[in-house]
């Protein structure tokens, strides 16, 4: 979904009735349950962007460094010059989310 449409949708939700909000909650819960792995990765990406900490040297001079072959955000530490993604240092560094169509 494009950014502008999402912002418009958010504004419209602010004007929804309580019954409509409950309906939306059900829809959102269904989407979350279908995309649980992708959502977990997105949350982890947001957290890494906010913390800007290198998992290798614990340095804080971390910048965005493109995307990997699975579309995950890559980062680069300017201190140790190593690159990493959100799964670096976890039991599943090569994990690929299978997208449902």
PDB file of N, CA and C in Angstrom:
ATOM      1  N   UNK A   1       0.851  -1.169   0.000  1.00  0.00           N
ATOM      2  CA  UNK A   1       0.000   0.000   0.000  1.00  0.00           C
ATOM      3  C   UNK A   1       0.901   1.238   0.000  1.00  0.00           C
ATOM      4  N   UNK A   2       0.556   2.167  -0.813  1.00  0.00           N
ATOM      5  CA  UNK A   2       1.375   3.375  -0.896  1.00  0.00           C
ATOM      6  C   UNK A   2       1.180   4.246   0.341  1.00  0.00           C
ATOM      7  N   UNK A   3       2.205   5.031   0.657  1.00  0.00           N
ATOM      8  CA  UNK A   3       2.241   5.851   1.862  1.00  0.00           C
ATOM      9  C   UNK A   3       1.047   6.791   1.965  1.00  0.00           C
ATOM     10  N   UNK A   4       0.733   7.479   0.896  1.00  0.00           N
ATOM     11  CA  UNK A   4      -0.346   8.469   0.917  1.00  0.00           C
ATOM     12  C   UNK A   4      -1.694   7.806   1.237  1.00  0.00           C
ATOM     13  N   UNK A   5      -1.934   6.665   0.641  1.00  0.00           N
ATOM     14  CA  UNK A   5      -3.199   5.948   0.889  1.00  0.00           C
ATOM     15  C   UNK A   5      -3.268   5.481   2.339  1.00  0.00           C
ATOM     16  N   UNK A   6      -2.141   5.015   2.873  1.00  0.00           N
ATOM     17  CA  UNK A   6      -2.113   4.578   4.262  1.00  0.00           C
ATOM     18  C   UNK A   6      -2.407   5.742   5.207  1.00  0.00           C
ATOM     19  N   UNK A   7      -1.830   6.888   4.949  1.00  0.00           N
ATOM     20  CA  UNK A   7      -2.086   8.062   5.789  1.00  0.00           C
ATOM     21  C   UNK A   7      -3.559   8.476   5.725  1.00  0.00           C
ATOM     22  N   UNK A   8      -4.147   8.397   4.555  1.00  0.00           N
ATOM     23  CA  UNK A   8      -5.571   8.717   4.387  1.00  0.00           C
ATOM     24  C   UNK A   8      -6.424   7.719   5.179  1.00  0.00           C
ATOM     25  N   UNK A   9      -6.061   6.451   5.104  1.00  0.00           N
ATOM     26  CA  UNK A   9      -6.792   5.418   5.840  1.00  0.00           C
ATOM     27  C   UNK A   9      -6.705   5.650   7.346  1.00  0.00           C
ATOM     28  N   UNK A  10      -5.531   6.003   7.833  1.00  0.00           N
ATOM     29  CA  UNK A  10      -5.370   6.297   9.265  1.00  0.00           C
ATOM     30  C   UNK A  10      -6.271   7.458   9.690  1.00  0.00           C
ATOM     31  N   UNK A  11      -6.329   8.493   8.866  1.00  0.00           N
ATOM     32  CA  UNK A  11      -7.186   9.646   9.184  1.00  0.00           C
ATOM     33  C   UNK A  11      -8.654   9.235   9.215  1.00  0.00           C
ATOM     34  N   UNK A  12      -9.068   8.407   8.294  1.00  0.00           N
ATOM     35  CA  UNK A  12     -10.453   7.960   8.242  1.00  0.00           C
ATOM     36  C   UNK A  12     -10.800   7.094   9.451  1.00  0.00           C
ATOM     37  N   UNK A  13      -9.861   6.286   9.905  1.00  0.00           N
ATOM     38  CA  UNK A  13     -10.108   5.433  11.071  1.00  0.00           C
ATOM     39  C   UNK A  13     -10.385   6.287  12.302  1.00  0.00           C
ATOM     40  N   UNK A  14      -9.757   7.448  12.377  1.00  0.00           N
ATOM     41  CA  UNK A  14     -10.002   8.353  13.500  1.00  0.00           C
ATOM     42  C   UNK A  14     -11.442   8.801  13.597  1.00  0.00           C
ATOM     43  N   UNK A  15     -12.182   8.731  12.511  1.00  0.00           N
ATOM     44  CA  UNK A  15     -13.592   9.138  12.488  1.00  0.00           C
ATOM     45  C   UNK A  15     -14.555   7.951  12.571  1.00  0.00           C
ATOM     46  N   UNK A  16     -14.024   6.756  12.758  1.00  0.00           N
ATOM     47  CA  UNK A  16     -14.861   5.553  12.787  1.00  0.00           C
ATOM     48  C   UNK A  16     -15.664   5.461  14.082  1.00  0.00           C
ATOM     49  N   UNK A  17     -16.804   4.815  13.994  1.00  0.00           N
ATOM     50  CA  UNK A  17     -17.638   4.581  15.172  1.00  0.00           C
ATOM     51  C   UNK A  17     -17.019   3.441  15.997  1.00  0.00           C
ATOM     52  N   UNK A  18     -17.438   3.291  17.252  1.00  0.00           N
ATOM     53  CA  UNK A  18     -16.914   2.186  18.068  1.00  0.00           C
ATOM     54  C   UNK A  18     -17.149   0.809  17.424  1.00  0.00           C
ATOM     55  N   UNK A  19     -18.310   0.611  16.813  1.00  0.00           N
ATOM     56  CA  UNK A  19     -18.578  -0.669  16.145  1.00  0.00           C
ATOM     57  C   UNK A  19     -17.633  -0.879  14.962  1.00  0.00           C
ATOM     58  N   UNK A  20     -17.373   0.176  14.225  1.00  0.00           N
ATOM     59  CA  UNK A  20     -16.459   0.072  13.090  1.00  0.00           C
ATOM     60  C   UNK A  20     -15.036  -0.209  13.564  1.00  0.00           C
ATOM     61  N   UNK A  21     -14.639   0.395  14.668  1.00  0.00           N
ATOM     62  CA  UNK A  21     -13.302   0.143  15.222  1.00  0.00           C
ATOM     63  C   UNK A  21     -13.167  -1.325  15.622  1.00  0.00           C
ATOM     64  N   UNK A  22     -14.216  -1.890  16.223  1.00  0.00           N
ATOM     65  CA  UNK A  22     -14.173  -3.309  16.584  1.00  0.00           C
ATOM     66  C   UNK A  22     -14.060  -4.194  15.343  1.00  0.00           C
ATOM     67  N   UNK A  23     -14.783  -3.840  14.283  1.00  0.00           N
ATOM     68  CA  UNK A  23     -14.671  -4.590  13.025  1.00  0.00           C
ATOM     69  C   UNK A  23     -13.247  -4.508  12.475  1.00  0.00           C
ATOM     70  N   UNK A  24     -12.687  -3.314  12.524  1.00  0.00           N
ATOM     71  CA  UNK A  24     -11.315  -3.131  12.049  1.00  0.00           C
ATOM     72  C   UNK A  24     -10.331  -3.937  12.890  1.00  0.00           C
ATOM     73  N   UNK A  25     -10.565  -3.991  14.173  1.00  0.00           N
ATOM     74  CA  UNK A  25      -9.698  -4.764  15.051  1.00  0.00           C
ATOM     75  C   UNK A  25      -9.694  -6.238  14.638  1.00  0.00           C
ATOM     76  N   UNK A  26     -10.867  -6.763  14.314  1.00  0.00           N
ATOM     77  CA  UNK A  26     -10.960  -8.159  13.862  1.00  0.00           C
ATOM     78  C   UNK A  26     -10.179  -8.371  12.572  1.00  0.00           C
ATOM     79  N   UNK A  27     -10.299  -7.433  11.641  1.00  0.00           N
ATOM     80  CA  UNK A  27      -9.581  -7.544  10.367  1.00  0.00           C
ATOM     81  C   UNK A  27      -8.069  -7.497  10.602  1.00  0.00           C
ATOM     82  N   UNK A  28      -7.640  -6.572  11.447  1.00  0.00           N
ATOM     83  CA  UNK A  28      -6.206  -6.430  11.725  1.00  0.00           C
ATOM     84  C   UNK A  28      -5.669  -7.685  12.411  1.00  0.00           C
ATOM     85  N   UNK A  29      -6.417  -8.248  13.363  1.00  0.00           N
ATOM     86  CA  UNK A  29      -5.990  -9.475  14.032  1.00  0.00           C
ATOM     87  C   UNK A  29      -5.849 -10.622  13.034  1.00  0.00           C
ATOM     88  N   UNK A  30      -6.753 -10.709  12.077  1.00  0.00           N
ATOM     89  CA  UNK A  30      -6.671 -11.762  11.059  1.00  0.00           C
ATOM     90  C   UNK A  30      -5.419 -11.589  10.203  1.00  0.00           C
ATOM     91  N   UNK A  31      -5.116 -10.359   9.828  1.00  0.00           N
ATOM     92  CA  UNK A  31      -3.922 -10.084   9.020  1.00  0.00           C
ATOM     93  C   UNK A  31      -2.664 -10.413   9.825  1.00  0.00           C
ATOM     94  N   UNK A  32      -2.651 -10.041  11.096  1.00  0.00           N
ATOM     95  CA  UNK A  32      -1.496 -10.328  11.951  1.00  0.00           C
ATOM     96  C   UNK A  32      -1.271 -11.833  12.046  1.00  0.00           C
ATOM     97  N   UNK A  33      -2.328 -12.601  12.230  1.00  0.00           N
ATOM     98  CA  UNK A  33      -2.162 -14.048  12.359  1.00  0.00           C
ATOM     99  C   UNK A  33      -1.665 -14.681  11.063  1.00  0.00           C
ATOM    100  N   UNK A  34      -2.013 -14.109   9.922  1.00  0.00           N
ATOM    101  CA  UNK A  34      -1.547 -14.627   8.640  1.00  0.00           C
ATOM    102  C   UNK A  34      -0.101 -14.234   8.360  1.00  0.00           C
ATOM    103  N   UNK A  35       0.329 -13.101   8.888  1.00  0.00           N
ATOM    104  CA  UNK A  35       1.654 -12.575   8.571  1.00  0.00           C
ATOM    105  C   UNK A  35       2.531 -12.456   9.814  1.00  0.00           C
ATOM    106  N   UNK A  36       2.384 -13.375  10.749  1.00  0.00           N
ATOM    107  CA  UNK A  36       3.063 -13.249  12.033  1.00  0.00           C
ATOM    108  C   UNK A  36       4.585 -13.169  11.886  1.00  0.00           C
ATOM    109  N   UNK A  37       5.184 -13.955  11.018  1.00  0.00           N
ATOM    110  CA  UNK A  37       6.643 -13.929  10.859  1.00  0.00           C
ATOM    111  C   UNK A  37       7.109 -12.606  10.252  1.00  0.00           C
ATOM    112  N   UNK A  38       6.420 -12.158   9.228  1.00  0.00           N
ATOM    113  CA  UNK A  38       6.793 -10.891   8.594  1.00  0.00           C
ATOM    114  C   UNK A  38       6.628  -9.718   9.552  1.00  0.00           C
ATOM    115  N   UNK A  39       5.586  -9.747  10.360  1.00  0.00           N
ATOM    116  CA  UNK A  39       5.358  -8.672  11.322  1.00  0.00           C
ATOM    117  C   UNK A  39       6.435  -8.684  12.407  1.00  0.00           C
ATOM    118  N   UNK A  40       6.812  -9.871  12.855  1.00  0.00           N
ATOM    119  CA  UNK A  40       7.887  -9.964  13.855  1.00  0.00           C
ATOM    120  C   UNK A  40       9.187  -9.402  13.299  1.00  0.00           C
ATOM    121  N   UNK A  41       9.490  -9.699  12.047  1.00  0.00           N
ATOM    122  CA  UNK A  41      10.698  -9.162  11.422  1.00  0.00           C
ATOM    123  C   UNK A  41      10.616  -7.648  11.258  1.00  0.00           C
ATOM    124  N   UNK A  42       9.444  -7.146  10.914  1.00  0.00           N
ATOM    125  CA  UNK A  42       9.268  -5.696  10.770  1.00  0.00           C
ATOM    126  C   UNK A  42       9.461  -5.002  12.117  1.00  0.00           C
ATOM    127  N   UNK A  43       8.928  -5.598  13.180  1.00  0.00           N
ATOM    128  CA  UNK A  43       9.112  -5.018  14.519  1.00  0.00           C
ATOM    129  C   UNK A  43      10.590  -5.025  14.912  1.00  0.00           C
ATOM    130  N   UNK A  44      11.262  -6.120  14.598  1.00  0.00           N
ATOM    131  CA  UNK A  44      12.692  -6.219  14.927  1.00  0.00           C
ATOM    132  C   UNK A  44      13.493  -5.190  14.132  1.00  0.00           C
ATOM    133  N   UNK A  45      13.121  -4.980  12.876  1.00  0.00           N
ATOM    134  CA  UNK A  45      13.794  -3.970  12.052  1.00  0.00           C
ATOM    135  C   UNK A  45      13.604  -2.584  12.658  1.00  0.00           C
ATOM    136  N   UNK A  46      12.385  -2.248  13.042  1.00  0.00           N
ATOM    137  CA  UNK A  46      12.115  -0.946  13.646  1.00  0.00           C
ATOM    138  C   UNK A  46      12.937  -0.766  14.916  1.00  0.00           C
ATOM    139  N   UNK A  47      13.018  -1.811  15.720  1.00  0.00           N
ATOM    140  CA  UNK A  47      13.782  -1.751  16.962  1.00  0.00           C
ATOM    141  C   UNK A  47      15.269  -1.521  16.682  1.00  0.00           C
ATOM    142  N   UNK A  48      15.802  -2.215  15.674  1.00  0.00           N
ATOM    143  CA  UNK A  48      17.225  -2.068  15.330  1.00  0.00           C
ATOM    144  C   UNK A  48      17.497  -0.664  14.805  1.00  0.00           C
ATOM    145  N   UNK A  49      16.589  -0.128  14.004  1.00  0.00           N
ATOM    146  CA  UNK A  49      16.757   1.230  13.482  1.00  0.00           C
ATOM    147  C   UNK A  49      16.777   2.231  14.636  1.00  0.00           C
ATOM    148  N   UNK A  50      15.929   2.028  15.622  1.00  0.00           N
ATOM    149  CA  UNK A  50      15.877   2.953  16.762  1.00  0.00           C
ATOM    150  C   UNK A  50      17.091   2.806  17.674  1.00  0.00           C
ATOM    151  N   UNK A  51      17.533   1.569  17.919  1.00  0.00           N
ATOM    152  CA  UNK A  51      18.652   1.366  18.848  1.00  0.00           C
ATOM    153  C   UNK A  51      20.000   1.675  18.208  1.00  0.00           C
ATOM    154  N   UNK A  52      20.115   1.439  16.888  1.00  0.00           N
ATOM    155  CA  UNK A  52      21.355   1.683  16.146  1.00  0.00           C
ATOM    156  C   UNK A  52      22.578   1.129  16.879  1.00  0.00           C
ATOM    157  N   UNK A  53      22.493  -0.144  17.263  1.00  0.00           N
ATOM    158  CA  UNK A  53      23.593  -0.804  17.948  1.00  0.00           C
ATOM    159  C   UNK A  53      24.102  -1.967  17.113  1.00  0.00           C
ATOM    160  N   UNK A  54      25.412  -2.063  16.963  1.00  0.00           N
ATOM    161  CA  UNK A  54      26.029  -3.144  16.193  1.00  0.00           C
ATOM    162  C   UNK A  54      26.060  -4.417  17.036  1.00  0.00           C
ATOM    163  N   UNK A  55      25.580  -5.547  16.498  1.00  0.00           N
ATOM    164  CA  UNK A  55      25.604  -6.793  17.259  1.00  0.00           C
ATOM    165  C   UNK A  55      27.018  -7.374  17.377  1.00  0.00           C
ATOM    166  N   UNK A  56      27.956  -6.872  16.574  1.00  0.00           N
ATOM    167  CA  UNK A  56      29.320  -7.389  16.593  1.00  0.00           C
ATOM    168  C   UNK A  56      30.191  -6.679  17.627  1.00  0.00           C
ATOM    169  N   UNK A  57      30.201  -5.352  17.592  1.00  0.00           N
ATOM    170  CA  UNK A  57      31.094  -4.579  18.468  1.00  0.00           C
ATOM    171  C   UNK A  57      30.343  -3.721  19.480  1.00  0.00           C
ATOM    172  N   UNK A  58      29.011  -3.723  19.415  1.00  0.00           N
ATOM    173  CA  UNK A  58      28.146  -2.908  20.263  1.00  0.00           C
ATOM    174  C   UNK A  58      28.318  -1.417  20.019  1.00  0.00           C
ATOM    175  N   UNK A  59      28.924  -1.081  18.888  1.00  0.00           N
ATOM    176  CA  UNK A  59      29.064   0.319  18.520  1.00  0.00           C
ATOM    177  C   UNK A  59      27.713   0.926  18.204  1.00  0.00           C
ATOM    178  N   UNK A  60      27.653   2.256  18.242  1.00  0.00           N
ATOM    179  CA  UNK A  60      26.375   2.945  18.009  1.00  0.00           C
ATOM    180  C   UNK A  60      26.390   3.782  16.732  1.00  0.00           C
ATOM    181  N   UNK A  61      27.443   3.680  15.950  1.00  0.00           N
ATOM    182  CA  UNK A  61      27.518   4.424  14.689  1.00  0.00           C
ATOM    183  C   UNK A  61      27.104   3.493  13.554  1.00  0.00           C
ATOM    184  N   UNK A  62      25.802   3.210  13.497  1.00  0.00           N
ATOM    185  CA  UNK A  62      25.236   2.258  12.549  1.00  0.00           C
ATOM    186  C   UNK A  62      24.377   3.003  11.536  1.00  0.00           C
ATOM    187  N   UNK A  63      24.521   2.637  10.261  1.00  0.00           N
ATOM    188  CA  UNK A  63      23.743   3.271   9.197  1.00  0.00           C
ATOM    189  C   UNK A  63      23.005   2.210   8.390  1.00  0.00           C
ATOM    190  N   UNK A  64      21.945   2.620   7.709  1.00  0.00           N
ATOM    191  CA  UNK A  64      21.228   1.719   6.809  1.00  0.00           C
ATOM    192  C   UNK A  64      22.139   1.383   5.642  1.00  0.00           C
ATOM    193  N   UNK A  65      22.068   0.134   5.167  1.00  0.00           N
ATOM    194  CA  UNK A  65      22.994  -0.329   4.135  1.00  0.00           C
ATOM    195  C   UNK A  65      22.286  -1.211   3.106  1.00  0.00           C
ATOM    196  N   UNK A  66      21.187  -0.732   2.567  1.00  0.00           N
ATOM    197  CA  UNK A  66      20.466  -1.470   1.524  1.00  0.00           C
ATOM    198  C   UNK A  66      19.625  -2.609   2.074  1.00  0.00           C
ATOM    199  N   UNK A  67      19.254  -3.509   1.179  1.00  0.00           N
ATOM    200  CA  UNK A  67      18.421  -4.661   1.533  1.00  0.00           C
ATOM    201  C   UNK A  67      19.162  -5.935   1.142  1.00  0.00           C
ATOM    202  N   UNK A  68      18.893  -7.039   1.860  1.00  0.00           N
ATOM    203  CA  UNK A  68      19.489  -8.315   1.484  1.00  0.00           C
ATOM    204  C   UNK A  68      18.613  -9.011   0.445  1.00  0.00           C
ATOM    205  N   UNK A  69      19.014 -10.207   0.014  1.00  0.00           N
ATOM    206  CA  UNK A  69      18.288 -10.899  -1.059  1.00  0.00           C
ATOM    207  C   UNK A  69      16.856 -11.265  -0.676  1.00  0.00           C
ATOM    208  N   UNK A  70      16.559 -11.291   0.636  1.00  0.00           N
ATOM    209  CA  UNK A  70      15.205 -11.593   1.099  1.00  0.00           C
ATOM    210  C   UNK A  70      14.390 -10.331   1.376  1.00  0.00           C
ATOM    211  N   UNK A  71      14.959  -9.170   1.053  1.00  0.00           N
ATOM    212  CA  UNK A  71      14.251  -7.917   1.230  1.00  0.00           C
ATOM    213  C   UNK A  71      14.362  -7.321   2.619  1.00  0.00           C
ATOM    214  N   UNK A  72      15.188  -7.937   3.488  1.00  0.00           N
ATOM    215  CA  UNK A  72      15.375  -7.406   4.836  1.00  0.00           C
ATOM    216  C   UNK A  72      16.347  -6.243   4.823  1.00  0.00           C
ATOM    217  N   UNK A  73      16.113  -5.287   5.709  1.00  0.00           N
ATOM    218  CA  UNK A  73      17.011  -4.141   5.841  1.00  0.00           C
ATOM    219  C   UNK A  73      18.393  -4.610   6.293  1.00  0.00           C
ATOM    220  N   UNK A  74      19.434  -4.098   5.645  1.00  0.00           N
ATOM    221  CA  UNK A  74      20.807  -4.354   6.069  1.00  0.00           C
ATOM    222  C   UNK A  74      21.325  -3.101   6.749  1.00  0.00           C
ATOM    223  N   UNK A  75      22.291  -3.305   7.632  1.00  0.00           N
ATOM    224  CA  UNK A  75      22.905  -2.211   8.375  1.00  0.00           C
ATOM    225  C   UNK A  75      24.413  -2.339   8.244  1.00  0.00           C
ATOM    226  N   UNK A  76      25.115  -1.228   8.460  1.00  0.00           N
ATOM    227  CA  UNK A  76      26.569  -1.256   8.457  1.00  0.00           C
ATOM    228  C   UNK A  76      27.064  -0.445   9.641  1.00  0.00           C
ATOM    229  N   UNK A  77      28.006  -1.038  10.365  1.00  0.00           N
ATOM    230  CA  UNK A  77      28.610  -0.361  11.502  1.00  0.00           C
ATOM    231  C   UNK A  77      29.829   0.400  10.997  1.00  0.00           C
ATOM    232  N   UNK A  78      29.871   1.675  11.259  1.00  0.00           N
ATOM    233  CA  UNK A  78      31.015   2.474  10.834  1.00  0.00           C
ATOM    234  C   UNK A  78      32.224   2.228  11.731  1.00  0.00           C
ATOM    235  N   UNK A  79      31.985   1.677  12.915  1.00  0.00           N
ATOM    236  CA  UNK A  79      33.085   1.385  13.832  1.00  0.00           C
ATOM    237  C   UNK A  79      33.883   0.166  13.387  1.00  0.00           C
ATOM    238  N   UNK A  80      33.221  -0.990  13.301  1.00  0.00           N
ATOM    239  CA  UNK A  80      33.924  -2.230  12.913  1.00  0.00           C
ATOM    240  C   UNK A  80      33.793  -2.531  11.427  1.00  0.00           C
ATOM    241  N   UNK A  81      33.003  -1.723  10.702  1.00  0.00           N
ATOM    242  CA  UNK A  81      32.816  -1.828   9.258  1.00  0.00           C
ATOM    243  C   UNK A  81      32.116  -3.111   8.814  1.00  0.00           C
ATOM    244  N   UNK A  82      31.491  -3.833   9.727  1.00  0.00           N
ATOM    245  CA  UNK A  82      30.787  -5.058   9.370  1.00  0.00           C
ATOM    246  C   UNK A  82      29.330  -4.745   9.052  1.00  0.00           C
ATOM    247  N   UNK A  83      28.748  -5.582   8.215  1.00  0.00           N
ATOM    248  CA  UNK A  83      27.335  -5.433   7.883  1.00  0.00           C
ATOM    249  C   UNK A  83      26.545  -6.527   8.587  1.00  0.00           C
ATOM    250  N   UNK A  84      25.261  -6.276   8.757  1.00  0.00           N
ATOM    251  CA  UNK A  84      24.399  -7.235   9.424  1.00  0.00           C
ATOM    252  C   UNK A  84      22.953  -6.921   9.091  1.00  0.00           C
ATOM    253  N   UNK A  85      22.069  -7.879   9.391  1.00  0.00           N
ATOM    254  CA  UNK A  85      20.638  -7.639   9.261  1.00  0.00           C
ATOM    255  C   UNK A  85      19.981  -7.939  10.603  1.00  0.00           C
ATOM    256  N   UNK A  86      18.682  -7.928  10.651  1.00  0.00           N
ATOM    257  CA  UNK A  86      17.984  -8.081  11.927  1.00  0.00           C
ATOM    258  C   UNK A  86      18.096  -9.475  12.511  1.00  0.00           C
ATOM    259  N   UNK A  87      18.502 -10.446  11.719  1.00  0.00           N
ATOM    260  CA  UNK A  87      18.625 -11.816  12.220  1.00  0.00           C
ATOM    261  C   UNK A  87      20.051 -12.192  12.598  1.00  0.00           C
ATOM    262  N   UNK A  88      21.001 -11.303  12.381  1.00  0.00           N
ATOM    263  CA  UNK A  88      22.385 -11.574  12.756  1.00  0.00           C
ATOM    264  C   UNK A  88      22.453 -11.801  14.261  1.00  0.00           C
ATOM    265  N   UNK A  89      23.119 -12.868  14.641  1.00  0.00           N
ATOM    266  CA  UNK A  89      23.265 -13.182  16.059  1.00  0.00           C
ATOM    267  C   UNK A  89      22.097 -13.953  16.642  1.00  0.00           C
ATOM    268  N   UNK A  90      21.156 -14.362  15.799  1.00  0.00           N
ATOM    269  CA  UNK A  90      20.016 -15.162  16.266  1.00  0.00           C
ATOM    270  C   UNK A  90      20.206 -16.595  15.784  1.00  0.00           C
ATOM    271  N   UNK A  91      19.403 -17.526  16.275  1.00  0.00           N
ATOM    272  CA  UNK A  91      19.507 -18.910  15.805  1.00  0.00           C
ATOM    273  C   UNK A  91      19.092 -19.103  14.349  1.00  0.00           C
ATOM    274  N   UNK A  92      18.519 -18.089  13.728  1.00  0.00           N
ATOM    275  CA  UNK A  92      18.037 -18.242  12.351  1.00  0.00           C
ATOM    276  C   UNK A  92      18.543 -17.125  11.435  1.00  0.00           C
ATOM    277  N   UNK A  93      19.860 -16.963  11.285  1.00  0.00           N
ATOM    278  CA  UNK A  93      20.366 -15.852  10.478  1.00  0.00           C
ATOM    279  C   UNK A  93      20.005 -15.937   8.996  1.00  0.00           C
ATOM    280  N   UNK A  94      19.769 -17.120   8.467  1.00  0.00           N
ATOM    281  CA  UNK A  94      19.434 -17.259   7.054  1.00  0.00           C
ATOM    282  C   UNK A  94      17.958 -17.465   6.800  1.00  0.00           C
ATOM    283  N   UNK A  95      17.127 -17.217   7.801  1.00  0.00           N
ATOM    284  CA  UNK A  95      15.687 -17.447   7.715  1.00  0.00           C
ATOM    285  C   UNK A  95      15.060 -16.596   6.613  1.00  0.00           C
ATOM    286  N   UNK A  96      14.258 -17.241   5.772  1.00  0.00           N
ATOM    287  CA  UNK A  96      13.549 -16.521   4.714  1.00  0.00           C
ATOM    288  C   UNK A  96      12.048 -16.694   4.947  1.00  0.00           C
ATOM    289  N   UNK A  97      11.326 -15.606   4.968  1.00  0.00           N
ATOM    290  CA  UNK A  97       9.881 -15.645   5.149  1.00  0.00           C
ATOM    291  C   UNK A  97       9.249 -16.029   3.810  1.00  0.00           C
ATOM    292  N   UNK A  98       8.395 -17.025   3.856  1.00  0.00           N
ATOM    293  CA  UNK A  98       7.683 -17.434   2.640  1.00  0.00           C
ATOM    294  C   UNK A  98       6.427 -16.588   2.540  1.00  0.00           C
ATOM    295  N   UNK A  99       6.364 -15.751   1.549  1.00  0.00           N
ATOM    296  CA  UNK A  99       5.214 -14.863   1.389  1.00  0.00           C
ATOM    297  C   UNK A  99       4.020 -15.629   0.834  1.00  0.00           C
ATOM    298  N   UNK A 100       2.853 -15.349   1.437  1.00  0.00           N
ATOM    299  CA  UNK A 100       1.622 -15.967   0.946  1.00  0.00           C
ATOM    300  C   UNK A 100       1.010 -15.049  -0.097  1.00  0.00           C
ATOM    301  N   UNK A 101       0.471 -15.637  -1.148  1.00  0.00           N
ATOM    302  CA  UNK A 101      -0.166 -14.811  -2.188  1.00  0.00           C
ATOM    303  C   UNK A 101      -1.635 -15.105  -2.256  1.00  0.00           C
TER     304      UNK A 101
END
